[in-house]
C-alpha atoms as a PDB file:
ATOM      1  CA  UNK A   1      58.328  42.793  -0.666  1.00  0.00           C
ATOM      2  CA  UNK A   2      61.122  42.765  -3.298  1.00  0.00           C
ATOM      3  CA  UNK A   3      62.377  45.550  -5.331  1.00  0.00           C
ATOM      4  CA  UNK A   4      61.676  45.849  -9.226  1.00  0.00           C
ATOM      5  CA  UNK A   5      64.838  45.181 -11.514  1.00  0.00           C
ATOM      6  CA  UNK A   6      67.821  47.566 -10.846  1.00  0.00           C
ATOM      7  CA  UNK A   7      70.818  48.497 -13.089  1.00  0.00           C
ATOM      8  CA  UNK A   8      73.996  47.786 -11.782  1.00  0.00           C
ATOM      9  CA  UNK A   9      76.813  50.481 -13.174  1.00  0.00           C
ATOM     10  CA  UNK A  10      74.769  51.018 -16.684  1.00  0.00           C
ATOM     11  CA  UNK A  11      75.585  54.813 -16.283  1.00  0.00           C
ATOM     12  CA  UNK A  12      79.461  54.087 -15.357  1.00  0.00           C
ATOM     13  CA  UNK A  13      81.037  54.224 -18.588  1.00  0.00           C
ATOM     14  CA  UNK A  14      84.441  52.604 -18.926  1.00  0.00           C
ATOM     15  CA  UNK A  15      85.598  51.729 -15.628  1.00  0.00           C
ATOM     16  CA  UNK A  16      87.745  49.143 -13.632  1.00  0.00           C
ATOM     17  CA  UNK A  17      86.100  48.078 -10.279  1.00  0.00           C
ATOM     18  CA  UNK A  18      87.987  46.006  -7.823  1.00  0.00           C
ATOM     19  CA  UNK A  19      85.827  42.736  -7.691  1.00  0.00           C
ATOM     20  CA  UNK A  20      85.450  43.014  -3.974  1.00  0.00           C
ATOM     21  CA  UNK A  21      84.167  46.504  -4.317  1.00  0.00           C
ATOM     22  CA  UNK A  22      81.410  45.197  -6.906  1.00  0.00           C
ATOM     23  CA  UNK A  23      80.614  42.447  -4.997  1.00  0.00           C
ATOM     24  CA  UNK A  24      79.770  44.722  -1.735  1.00  0.00           C
ATOM     25  CA  UNK A  25      77.665  46.863  -4.425  1.00  0.00           C
ATOM     26  CA  UNK A  26      75.730  43.737  -5.439  1.00  0.00           C
ATOM     27  CA  UNK A  27      75.673  42.780  -1.595  1.00  0.00           C
ATOM     28  CA  UNK A  28      73.956  46.122  -1.174  1.00  0.00           C
ATOM     29  CA  UNK A  29      71.081  45.123  -3.783  1.00  0.00           C
ATOM     30  CA  UNK A  30      70.512  42.168  -1.572  1.00  0.00           C
ATOM     31  CA  UNK A  31      70.630  44.607   1.767  1.00  0.00           C
ATOM     32  CA  UNK A  32      67.657  46.552  -0.112  1.00  0.00           C
ATOM     33  CA  UNK A  33      65.526  43.361  -0.693  1.00  0.00           C
ATOM     34  CA  UNK A  34      66.353  41.865  -4.065  1.00  0.00           C
ATOM     35  CA  UNK A  35      67.212  38.469  -4.446  1.00  0.00           C
ATOM     36  CA  UNK A  36      71.009  37.562  -5.366  1.00  0.00           C
ATOM     37  CA  UNK A  37      69.806  36.309  -8.606  1.00  0.00           C
ATOM     38  CA  UNK A  38      68.187  39.571  -9.384  1.00  0.00           C
ATOM     39  CA  UNK A  39      71.439  41.195  -8.179  1.00  0.00           C
ATOM     40  CA  UNK A  40      73.331  39.033 -10.473  1.00  0.00           C
ATOM     41  CA  UNK A  41      71.002  39.827 -13.156  1.00  0.00           C
ATOM     42  CA  UNK A  42      71.219  43.549 -12.478  1.00  0.00           C
ATOM     43  CA  UNK A  43      74.841  43.683 -13.434  1.00  0.00           C
ATOM     44  CA  UNK A  44      74.034  41.053 -16.779  1.00  0.00           C
ATOM     45  CA  UNK A  45      71.267  41.137 -18.446  1.00  0.00           C
ATOM     46  CA  UNK A  46      69.127  44.139 -17.069  1.00  0.00           C
ATOM     47  CA  UNK A  47      71.984  46.578 -17.905  1.00  0.00           C
ATOM     48  CA  UNK A  48      72.121  45.099 -21.802  1.00  0.00           C
ATOM     49  CA  UNK A  49      68.682  45.655 -21.876  1.00  0.00           C
ATOM     50  CA  UNK A  50      68.936  49.281 -20.512  1.00  0.00           C
ATOM     51  CA  UNK A  51      71.600  49.512 -23.192  1.00  0.00           C
ATOM     52  CA  UNK A  52      69.668  48.117 -26.023  1.00  0.00           C
ATOM     53  CA  UNK A  53      72.246  45.562 -26.528  1.00  0.00           C
ATOM     54  CA  UNK A  54      70.119  42.652 -25.754  1.00  0.00           C
ATOM     55  CA  UNK A  55      70.683  41.169 -28.670  1.00  0.00           C
ATOM     56  CA  UNK A  56      74.305  40.947 -28.398  1.00  0.00           C
ATOM     57  CA  UNK A  57      75.275  40.857 -24.643  1.00  0.00           C
ATOM     58  CA  UNK A  58      73.757  40.053 -21.490  1.00  0.00           C
ATOM     59  CA  UNK A  59      73.119  36.154 -21.387  1.00  0.00           C
ATOM     60  CA  UNK A  60      74.533  33.586 -22.244  1.00  0.00           C
ATOM     61  CA  UNK A  61      73.179  32.130 -25.665  1.00  0.00           C
ATOM     62  CA  UNK A  62      74.323  30.738 -28.950  1.00  0.00           C
ATOM     63  CA  UNK A  63      75.530  33.987 -31.198  1.00  0.00           C
ATOM     64  CA  UNK A  64      76.258  36.416 -28.152  1.00  0.00           C
ATOM     65  CA  UNK A  65      79.534  37.557 -26.954  1.00  0.00           C
ATOM     66  CA  UNK A  66      80.023  36.056 -23.614  1.00  0.00           C
ATOM     67  CA  UNK A  67      82.074  36.531 -20.673  1.00  0.00           C
ATOM     68  CA  UNK A  68      82.156  33.723 -18.379  1.00  0.00           C
ATOM     69  CA  UNK A  69      83.565  33.623 -15.344  1.00  0.00           C
ATOM     70  CA  UNK A  70      84.156  30.702 -12.947  1.00  0.00           C
ATOM     71  CA  UNK A  71      84.086  30.717  -9.180  1.00  0.00           C
ATOM     72  CA  UNK A  72      84.541  28.183  -6.428  1.00  0.00           C
ATOM     73  CA  UNK A  73      81.107  27.903  -5.030  1.00  0.00           C
ATOM     74  CA  UNK A  74      77.342  29.208  -5.806  1.00  0.00           C
ATOM     75  CA  UNK A  75      77.093  32.802  -5.624  1.00  0.00           C
ATOM     76  CA  UNK A  76      73.028  32.706  -5.005  1.00  0.00           C
ATOM     77  CA  UNK A  77      73.986  31.235  -1.765  1.00  0.00           C
ATOM     78  CA  UNK A  78      76.890  33.542  -0.868  1.00  0.00           C
ATOM     79  CA  UNK A  79      77.742  36.360  -3.253  1.00  0.00           C
ATOM     80  CA  UNK A  80      81.539  36.235  -1.753  1.00  0.00           C
ATOM     81  CA  UNK A  81      82.385  33.469  -3.913  1.00  0.00           C
ATOM     82  CA  UNK A  82      82.418  36.266  -6.857  1.00  0.00           C
ATOM     83  CA  UNK A  83      85.568  37.413  -5.430  1.00  0.00           C
ATOM     84  CA  UNK A  84      87.402  34.523  -5.956  1.00  0.00           C
ATOM     85  CA  UNK A  85      87.330  34.284  -9.773  1.00  0.00           C
ATOM     86  CA  UNK A  86      89.337  31.243 -11.237  1.00  0.00           C
ATOM     87  CA  UNK A  87      88.471  31.447 -14.929  1.00  0.00           C
ATOM     88  CA  UNK A  88      87.728  34.292 -17.355  1.00  0.00           C
ATOM     89  CA  UNK A  89      86.566  33.901 -20.918  1.00  0.00           C
ATOM     90  CA  UNK A  90      85.963  36.964 -22.681  1.00  0.00           C
ATOM     91  CA  UNK A  91      84.626  36.979 -26.386  1.00  0.00           C
ATOM     92  CA  UNK A  92      85.068  33.055 -26.491  1.00  0.00           C
ATOM     93  CA  UNK A  93      88.663  33.383 -25.612  1.00  0.00           C
ATOM     94  CA  UNK A  94      90.477  32.024 -21.666  1.00  0.00           C
ATOM     95  CA  UNK A  95      92.094  35.328 -20.619  1.00  0.00           C
ATOM     96  CA  UNK A  96      92.995  34.122 -17.185  1.00  0.00           C
ATOM     97  CA  UNK A  97      95.728  36.076 -15.920  1.00  0.00           C
ATOM     98  CA  UNK A  98      98.885  33.987 -14.310  1.00  0.00           C
END
């Protein structure tokens, strides 16, 4: 039995989260019987809906602000890939840290 959609850090306010800590927390959602996709959506689409901002953020669609990352593998197979971000785009701009 899978859990209904859960929110991830929607109530945390402005914060900086260590990537490994965030991935561990997504892993806890998976341990609680969500799928990796549901856990990732909890941190993106579901939060935007709870905040009432789904028209602006939360999914990659034309006209929305998109924050996109590139990782070395499929996070649906292993969430740990999310710890090794090689590319970050925020609001259409490459913001890699060199």
